[in-house]
Amino acid sequence: MKGAIVLALFAILATACCYTDREIRIKLNELCEKHGDGYLVPDVADCTKFYECVGNDGTHFQLSCPSGLVYNSNTYACDYPENTQCSTILEDLQ
């Protein structure tokens, strides 16, 4: 279920090119308020980054994967690029 939610979020944020930074922050705040502490959200503009929700008040922090790794929304962890679909999804959006 959590994977489906992340994919739905990814689809929503995939149109990030059309939203302002403020609108994206508002959406992240809403998701963090809804899902709470520890919820992870991929950064659709940069496969090497993701957001972690802290608490239940909408607070979130951007985190980066170590060099050479990208965020894998299926495993909720940083992983090798060949194990993810991030670059393929971003190419499809362009």
C-alpha atoms as a PDB file:
ATOM      1  CA  MET A   1       0.000   0.000   0.000  1.00  0.00           C
ATOM      2  CA  LYS A   2       2.783   2.402   0.910  1.00  0.00           C
ATOM      3  CA  GLY A   3       4.400   1.725  -2.477  1.00  0.00           C
ATOM      4  CA  ALA A   4       1.173   2.655  -4.249  1.00  0.00           C
ATOM      5  CA  ILE A   5       1.014   5.884  -2.277  1.00  0.00           C
ATOM      6  CA  VAL A   6       4.602   6.729  -3.185  1.00  0.00           C
ATOM      7  CA  LEU A   7       3.908   6.034  -6.859  1.00  0.00           C
ATOM      8  CA  ALA A   8       0.785   8.193  -6.719  1.00  0.00           C
ATOM      9  CA  LEU A   9       2.821  10.953  -5.115  1.00  0.00           C
ATOM     10  CA  PHE A  10       5.483  10.534  -7.758  1.00  0.00           C
ATOM     11  CA  ALA A  11       2.840  11.010 -10.438  1.00  0.00           C
ATOM     12  CA  ILE A  12       1.570  14.141  -8.690  1.00  0.00           C
ATOM     13  CA  LEU A  13       5.013  15.638  -8.224  1.00  0.00           C
ATOM     14  CA  ALA A  14       6.141  14.515 -11.679  1.00  0.00           C
ATOM     15  CA  THR A  15       4.608  17.668 -13.038  1.00  0.00           C
ATOM     16  CA  ALA A  16       6.985  19.647 -10.842  1.00  0.00           C
ATOM     17  CA  CYS A  17       8.118  21.548 -13.917  1.00  0.00           C
ATOM     18  CA  CYS A  18       4.727  23.230 -13.859  1.00  0.00           C
ATOM     19  CA  TYR A  19       4.650  24.078 -10.148  1.00  0.00           C
ATOM     20  CA  THR A  20       6.527  26.663  -8.153  1.00  0.00           C
ATOM     21  CA  ASP A  21       8.852  25.710  -5.300  1.00  0.00           C
ATOM     22  CA  ARG A  22       6.228  27.058  -2.913  1.00  0.00           C
ATOM     23  CA  GLU A  23       3.524  24.776  -4.332  1.00  0.00           C
ATOM     24  CA  ILE A  24       5.831  21.764  -4.069  1.00  0.00           C
ATOM     25  CA  ARG A  25       6.647  22.626  -0.423  1.00  0.00           C
ATOM     26  CA  ILE A  26       2.927  22.913   0.333  1.00  0.00           C
ATOM     27  CA  LYS A  27       2.294  19.459  -1.199  1.00  0.00           C
ATOM     28  CA  LEU A  28       5.195  17.983   0.786  1.00  0.00           C
ATOM     29  CA  ASN A  29       3.815  19.563   3.969  1.00  0.00           C
ATOM     30  CA  GLU A  30       0.385  18.033   3.278  1.00  0.00           C
ATOM     31  CA  LEU A  31       1.864  14.584   2.659  1.00  0.00           C
ATOM     32  CA  CYS A  32       3.973  14.756   5.809  1.00  0.00           C
ATOM     33  CA  GLU A  33       0.971  15.859   7.884  1.00  0.00           C
ATOM     34  CA  LYS A  34      -1.058  12.969   6.469  1.00  0.00           C
ATOM     35  CA  HIS A  35       1.550  10.184   6.696  1.00  0.00           C
ATOM     36  CA  GLY A  36       3.674  11.391   9.598  1.00  0.00           C
ATOM     37  CA  ASP A  37       7.092  10.703  10.994  1.00  0.00           C
ATOM     38  CA  GLY A  38       9.459   8.636   8.870  1.00  0.00           C
ATOM     39  CA  TYR A  39       7.477   8.874   5.615  1.00  0.00           C
ATOM     40  CA  LEU A  40       9.828   9.114   2.617  1.00  0.00           C
ATOM     41  CA  VAL A  41       9.059  11.054  -0.563  1.00  0.00           C
ATOM     42  CA  PRO A  42      11.218  10.913  -3.724  1.00  0.00           C
ATOM     43  CA  ASP A  43      12.480  14.152  -5.244  1.00  0.00           C
ATOM     44  CA  VAL A  44      11.304  13.867  -8.845  1.00  0.00           C
ATOM     45  CA  ALA A  45      13.710  16.551 -10.033  1.00  0.00           C
ATOM     46  CA  ASP A  46      16.808  14.737  -8.714  1.00  0.00           C
ATOM     47  CA  CYS A  47      17.020  10.955  -8.361  1.00  0.00           C
ATOM     48  CA  THR A  48      19.802  11.260  -5.793  1.00  0.00           C
ATOM     49  CA  LYS A  49      17.580  13.137  -3.321  1.00  0.00           C
ATOM     50  CA  PHE A  50      14.485  12.385  -1.255  1.00  0.00           C
ATOM     51  CA  TYR A  51      12.519  13.923   1.608  1.00  0.00           C
ATOM     52  CA  GLU A  52      11.915  12.493   5.063  1.00  0.00           C
ATOM     53  CA  CYS A  53       8.923  13.618   7.098  1.00  0.00           C
ATOM     54  CA  VAL A  54       9.643  14.429  10.735  1.00  0.00           C
ATOM     55  CA  GLY A  55       6.779  14.510  13.223  1.00  0.00           C
ATOM     56  CA  ASN A  56       3.179  15.070  12.183  1.00  0.00           C
ATOM     57  CA  ASP A  57       3.218  18.815  11.580  1.00  0.00           C
ATOM     58  CA  GLY A  58       4.356  18.793   7.942  1.00  0.00           C
ATOM     59  CA  THR A  59       8.052  19.194   8.672  1.00  0.00           C
ATOM     60  CA  HIS A  60      10.333  17.531   6.119  1.00  0.00           C
ATOM     61  CA  PHE A  61      14.027  17.501   5.318  1.00  0.00           C
ATOM     62  CA  GLN A  62      15.748  16.889   2.014  1.00  0.00           C
ATOM     63  CA  LEU A  63      18.340  14.124   2.167  1.00  0.00           C
ATOM     64  CA  SER A  64      20.881  12.953  -0.409  1.00  0.00           C
ATOM     65  CA  CYS A  65      22.021   9.467  -1.300  1.00  0.00           C
ATOM     66  CA  PRO A  66      25.752   8.707  -1.157  1.00  0.00           C
ATOM     67  CA  SER A  67      27.742   9.267  -4.339  1.00  0.00           C
ATOM     68  CA  GLY A  68      26.807   6.856  -7.127  1.00  0.00           C
ATOM     69  CA  LEU A  69      23.451   5.876  -5.604  1.00  0.00           C
ATOM     70  CA  VAL A  70      19.885   7.047  -6.278  1.00  0.00           C
ATOM     71  CA  TYR A  71      16.706   6.843  -4.213  1.00  0.00           C
ATOM     72  CA  ASN A  72      14.659   3.692  -4.820  1.00  0.00           C
ATOM     73  CA  SER A  73      10.995   4.300  -3.925  1.00  0.00           C
ATOM     74  CA  ASN A  74      10.281   0.549  -3.970  1.00  0.00           C
ATOM     75  CA  THR A  75      12.770  -0.243  -1.205  1.00  0.00           C
ATOM     76  CA  TYR A  76      12.691   3.175   0.524  1.00  0.00           C
ATOM     77  CA  ALA A  77      16.489   3.300   0.410  1.00  0.00           C
ATOM     78  CA  CYS A  78      19.383   4.483  -1.708  1.00  0.00           C
ATOM     79  CA  ASP A  79      20.317   1.921  -4.338  1.00  0.00           C
ATOM     80  CA  TYR A  80      22.353   1.434  -7.501  1.00  0.00           C
ATOM     81  CA  PRO A  81      20.823   3.218 -10.517  1.00  0.00           C
ATOM     82  CA  GLU A  82      20.354  -0.027 -12.443  1.00  0.00           C
ATOM     83  CA  ASN A  83      18.022  -1.265  -9.677  1.00  0.00           C
ATOM     84  CA  THR A  84      15.671   1.717 -10.001  1.00  0.00           C
ATOM     85  CA  GLN A  85      13.448   3.272 -12.630  1.00  0.00           C
ATOM     86  CA  CYS A  86      14.153   6.860 -11.687  1.00  0.00           C
ATOM     87  CA  SER A  87      16.140   7.847 -14.766  1.00  0.00           C
ATOM     88  CA  THR A  88      13.648   6.111 -17.071  1.00  0.00           C
ATOM     89  CA  ILE A  89      10.699   7.881 -15.465  1.00  0.00           C
ATOM     90  CA  LEU A  90      12.402  11.271 -15.693  1.00  0.00           C
ATOM     91  CA  GLU A  91      13.277  10.685 -19.351  1.00  0.00           C
ATOM     92  CA  ASP A  92       9.636   9.826 -20.070  1.00  0.00           C
ATOM     93  CA  LEU A  93       8.523  13.106 -18.493  1.00  0.00           C
ATOM     94  CA  GLN A  94      10.660  15.299 -20.729  1.00  0.00           C
END
